[in-house]
N, C-alpha and C. Protein backbone atom coordinates (compact mmCIF):
# COMPACT_ATOMS: atom_id res chain seq x y z
N SER A 1 -3.26 -11.36 -4.65
CA SER A 1 -4.53 -10.75 -4.99
C SER A 1 -4.70 -10.71 -6.51
N LEU A 2 -5.93 -10.52 -6.93
CA LEU A 2 -6.25 -10.55 -8.35
C LEU A 2 -6.65 -9.17 -8.85
N GLN A 3 -6.36 -8.91 -10.11
CA GLN A 3 -6.74 -7.64 -10.72
C GLN A 3 -8.26 -7.51 -10.74
N CYS A 4 -8.75 -6.29 -10.56
CA CYS A 4 -10.17 -5.95 -10.62
C CYS A 4 -11.00 -6.56 -9.49
N SER A 5 -10.35 -7.02 -8.41
CA SER A 5 -11.14 -7.68 -7.37
C SER A 5 -10.95 -7.09 -5.98
N GLY A 6 -10.42 -5.90 -5.88
CA GLY A 6 -10.40 -5.22 -4.59
C GLY A 6 -9.22 -5.49 -3.67
N GLY A 7 -8.15 -6.11 -4.11
CA GLY A 7 -6.95 -6.18 -3.30
C GLY A 7 -6.70 -7.43 -2.49
N GLY A 8 -7.56 -8.41 -2.53
CA GLY A 8 -7.30 -9.67 -1.83
C GLY A 8 -7.43 -9.57 -0.32
N ILE A 9 -6.78 -10.48 0.37
CA ILE A 9 -6.84 -10.53 1.83
C ILE A 9 -6.06 -9.35 2.41
N SER A 10 -6.64 -8.68 3.39
CA SER A 10 -5.99 -7.50 3.96
C SER A 10 -4.76 -7.88 4.77
N LEU A 11 -3.89 -6.91 4.95
CA LEU A 11 -2.70 -7.07 5.77
C LEU A 11 -3.08 -7.48 7.19
N ALA A 12 -4.11 -6.84 7.73
CA ALA A 12 -4.56 -7.15 9.09
C ALA A 12 -5.07 -8.58 9.20
N ASP A 13 -5.83 -9.04 8.20
CA ASP A 13 -6.34 -10.41 8.24
C ASP A 13 -5.21 -11.43 8.15
N MET A 14 -4.23 -11.14 7.31
CA MET A 14 -3.09 -12.07 7.21
C MET A 14 -2.28 -12.08 8.50
N ARG A 15 -2.15 -10.93 9.11
CA ARG A 15 -1.44 -10.87 10.40
C ARG A 15 -2.18 -11.71 11.44
N ARG A 16 -3.51 -11.65 11.43
CA ARG A 16 -4.30 -12.47 12.36
C ARG A 16 -4.08 -13.96 12.10
N GLN A 17 -3.94 -14.35 10.83
CA GLN A 17 -3.65 -15.75 10.51
C GLN A 17 -2.33 -16.20 11.13
N LEU A 18 -1.32 -15.34 11.06
CA LEU A 18 -0.04 -15.68 11.67
C LEU A 18 -0.17 -15.75 13.19
N SER A 19 -0.86 -14.79 13.78
CA SER A 19 -1.04 -14.79 15.23
C SER A 19 -1.80 -16.03 15.68
N ALA A 20 -2.80 -16.45 14.91
CA ALA A 20 -3.56 -17.65 15.25
C ALA A 20 -2.69 -18.90 15.22
N ALA A 21 -1.61 -18.86 14.42
CA ALA A 21 -0.67 -19.98 14.35
C ALA A 21 0.48 -19.80 15.37
N SER A 22 0.30 -18.87 16.31
CA SER A 22 1.30 -18.57 17.35
C SER A 22 2.63 -18.07 16.79
N ILE A 23 2.54 -17.31 15.69
CA ILE A 23 3.74 -16.74 15.07
C ILE A 23 3.76 -15.25 15.41
N ARG A 24 4.88 -14.81 15.98
CA ARG A 24 5.01 -13.42 16.40
C ARG A 24 5.40 -12.55 15.19
N VAL A 25 4.62 -11.53 14.92
CA VAL A 25 4.90 -10.61 13.82
C VAL A 25 5.67 -9.42 14.37
N LEU A 26 6.86 -9.20 13.84
CA LEU A 26 7.71 -8.11 14.30
C LEU A 26 7.43 -6.81 13.55
N ALA A 27 7.08 -6.93 12.26
CA ALA A 27 6.80 -5.76 11.42
C ALA A 27 6.00 -6.23 10.21
N THR A 28 5.26 -5.29 9.61
CA THR A 28 4.47 -5.60 8.42
C THR A 28 4.76 -4.56 7.34
N ALA A 29 4.55 -4.97 6.10
CA ALA A 29 4.73 -4.06 4.96
C ALA A 29 3.95 -4.62 3.78
N CYS A 30 3.80 -3.80 2.77
CA CYS A 30 3.21 -4.23 1.51
C CYS A 30 4.32 -4.22 0.47
N GLY A 31 4.04 -4.86 -0.65
CA GLY A 31 5.05 -4.88 -1.69
C GLY A 31 4.50 -5.40 -3.00
N SER A 32 5.42 -5.61 -3.93
CA SER A 32 5.10 -6.12 -5.24
C SER A 32 6.13 -7.18 -5.60
N ASP A 33 5.69 -8.19 -6.35
CA ASP A 33 6.64 -9.21 -6.79
C ASP A 33 7.46 -8.73 -7.99
N SER A 34 7.13 -7.56 -8.54
CA SER A 34 7.83 -6.91 -9.65
C SER A 34 7.82 -7.69 -10.95
N GLN A 35 6.89 -8.61 -11.09
CA GLN A 35 6.77 -9.38 -12.33
C GLN A 35 5.92 -8.60 -13.33
N MET A 36 6.28 -8.69 -14.60
CA MET A 36 5.45 -8.10 -15.65
C MET A 36 4.28 -9.04 -15.90
N ARG A 37 3.10 -8.49 -16.11
CA ARG A 37 1.94 -9.33 -16.40
C ARG A 37 0.93 -8.55 -17.23
N ALA A 38 0.12 -9.30 -17.95
CA ALA A 38 -0.94 -8.68 -18.74
C ALA A 38 -2.00 -8.10 -17.81
N MET A 39 -2.62 -7.01 -18.24
CA MET A 39 -3.69 -6.41 -17.46
C MET A 39 -4.99 -7.08 -17.85
N VAL A 40 -5.40 -8.06 -17.03
CA VAL A 40 -6.60 -8.84 -17.30
C VAL A 40 -7.32 -9.08 -15.98
N CYS A 41 -8.57 -8.70 -15.91
CA CYS A 41 -9.33 -8.95 -14.68
C CYS A 41 -9.30 -10.44 -14.34
N GLY A 42 -9.03 -10.72 -13.07
CA GLY A 42 -8.96 -12.09 -12.59
C GLY A 42 -7.56 -12.67 -12.57
N ALA A 43 -6.60 -12.00 -13.22
CA ALA A 43 -5.21 -12.46 -13.20
C ALA A 43 -4.52 -11.87 -11.96
N PRO A 44 -3.46 -12.51 -11.47
CA PRO A 44 -2.73 -11.97 -10.32
C PRO A 44 -2.25 -10.55 -10.59
N ASP A 45 -2.24 -9.71 -9.53
CA ASP A 45 -1.79 -8.33 -9.70
C ASP A 45 -0.38 -8.09 -9.18
N GLY A 46 0.23 -9.09 -8.56
CA GLY A 46 1.61 -8.97 -8.08
C GLY A 46 1.75 -8.35 -6.71
N ALA A 47 0.64 -7.92 -6.10
CA ALA A 47 0.72 -7.34 -4.76
C ALA A 47 1.04 -8.44 -3.74
N ILE A 48 1.92 -8.12 -2.80
CA ILE A 48 2.25 -9.07 -1.74
C ILE A 48 2.16 -8.38 -0.39
N ARG A 49 2.01 -9.16 0.64
CA ARG A 49 2.04 -8.68 2.02
C ARG A 49 3.33 -9.25 2.62
N ILE A 50 4.07 -8.42 3.35
CA ILE A 50 5.36 -8.81 3.88
C ILE A 50 5.30 -8.76 5.41
N PHE A 51 5.75 -9.84 6.04
CA PHE A 51 5.76 -9.94 7.49
C PHE A 51 7.15 -10.32 7.96
N ASP A 52 7.71 -9.53 8.86
CA ASP A 52 8.97 -9.90 9.49
C ASP A 52 8.61 -10.72 10.72
N ILE A 53 9.18 -11.92 10.81
CA ILE A 53 8.92 -12.82 11.93
C ILE A 53 10.25 -13.35 12.44
N PRO A 54 10.30 -13.89 13.66
CA PRO A 54 11.54 -14.52 14.13
C PRO A 54 11.94 -15.68 13.21
N ALA A 55 13.22 -15.79 12.94
CA ALA A 55 13.72 -16.84 12.04
C ALA A 55 13.33 -18.23 12.49
N ASP A 56 13.26 -18.44 13.81
CA ASP A 56 12.92 -19.79 14.30
C ASP A 56 11.45 -20.14 14.11
N GLN A 57 10.66 -19.20 13.59
CA GLN A 57 9.24 -19.47 13.34
C GLN A 57 8.92 -19.62 11.85
N LEU A 58 9.96 -19.63 11.03
CA LEU A 58 9.76 -19.75 9.58
C LEU A 58 9.04 -21.05 9.20
N ALA A 59 9.42 -22.16 9.79
CA ALA A 59 8.78 -23.44 9.45
C ALA A 59 7.29 -23.40 9.78
N ALA A 60 6.93 -22.82 10.91
CA ALA A 60 5.52 -22.73 11.30
C ALA A 60 4.77 -21.83 10.32
N ALA A 61 5.39 -20.73 9.89
CA ALA A 61 4.75 -19.83 8.93
C ALA A 61 4.55 -20.53 7.59
N THR A 62 5.52 -21.32 7.18
CA THR A 62 5.40 -22.08 5.93
C THR A 62 4.25 -23.07 6.02
N ARG A 63 4.14 -23.74 7.16
CA ARG A 63 3.01 -24.68 7.34
C ARG A 63 1.67 -23.95 7.31
N ALA A 64 1.66 -22.68 7.71
CA ALA A 64 0.43 -21.88 7.72
C ALA A 64 0.12 -21.30 6.33
N GLY A 65 0.98 -21.60 5.33
CA GLY A 65 0.71 -21.17 3.96
C GLY A 65 1.49 -19.95 3.50
N PHE A 66 2.40 -19.45 4.32
CA PHE A 66 3.21 -18.30 3.96
C PHE A 66 4.53 -18.79 3.35
N ARG A 67 5.18 -17.91 2.57
CA ARG A 67 6.44 -18.27 1.93
C ARG A 67 7.50 -17.22 2.25
N PRO A 68 8.75 -17.63 2.29
CA PRO A 68 9.82 -16.65 2.55
C PRO A 68 9.95 -15.67 1.39
N LEU A 69 10.24 -14.43 1.72
CA LEU A 69 10.40 -13.39 0.71
C LEU A 69 11.55 -13.74 -0.24
N SER A 70 12.49 -14.53 0.22
CA SER A 70 13.64 -14.92 -0.62
C SER A 70 13.20 -15.72 -1.85
N GLU A 71 11.99 -16.27 -1.84
CA GLU A 71 11.47 -16.99 -3.01
C GLU A 71 11.00 -16.03 -4.12
N LEU A 72 10.97 -14.75 -3.82
CA LEU A 72 10.60 -13.72 -4.80
C LEU A 72 11.77 -12.75 -4.92
N PRO A 73 12.82 -13.11 -5.65
CA PRO A 73 14.04 -12.30 -5.68
C PRO A 73 13.86 -10.87 -6.19
N GLY A 74 12.85 -10.62 -6.99
CA GLY A 74 12.63 -9.27 -7.51
C GLY A 74 11.67 -8.44 -6.67
N ALA A 75 11.19 -8.99 -5.57
CA ALA A 75 10.18 -8.30 -4.76
C ALA A 75 10.71 -7.00 -4.18
N VAL A 76 9.82 -6.03 -4.10
CA VAL A 76 10.16 -4.72 -3.51
C VAL A 76 9.07 -4.31 -2.53
N ARG A 77 9.47 -3.59 -1.52
CA ARG A 77 8.49 -3.02 -0.57
C ARG A 77 7.90 -1.76 -1.20
N GLU A 78 6.59 -1.60 -1.03
CA GLU A 78 5.88 -0.44 -1.57
C GLU A 78 4.88 0.03 -0.53
N PRO A 79 4.41 1.26 -0.66
CA PRO A 79 3.37 1.71 0.26
C PRO A 79 2.11 0.84 0.10
N CYS A 80 1.45 0.59 1.21
CA CYS A 80 0.20 -0.19 1.16
C CYS A 80 -0.87 0.65 0.47
N ARG A 81 -1.70 -0.04 -0.36
CA ARG A 81 -2.78 0.67 -1.05
C ARG A 81 -4.10 0.31 -0.42
């Protein structure tokens, strides 16, 4: 999501994208990539959506545009805003 733009795609909408790709969502969470960034409207805000899925569905989730949390080593779970 981008700064000053209302939070990006909702957790529920992203979950629906996974469900539409026949990917079973076991749990959901919000988080941050923990990267430092300038405060500028239109720049990324670091907010992420986290979905726990079965390991055997990772390739399908990647094809649907999602990435493994392991690609963001500093990521932390935070309360959804």
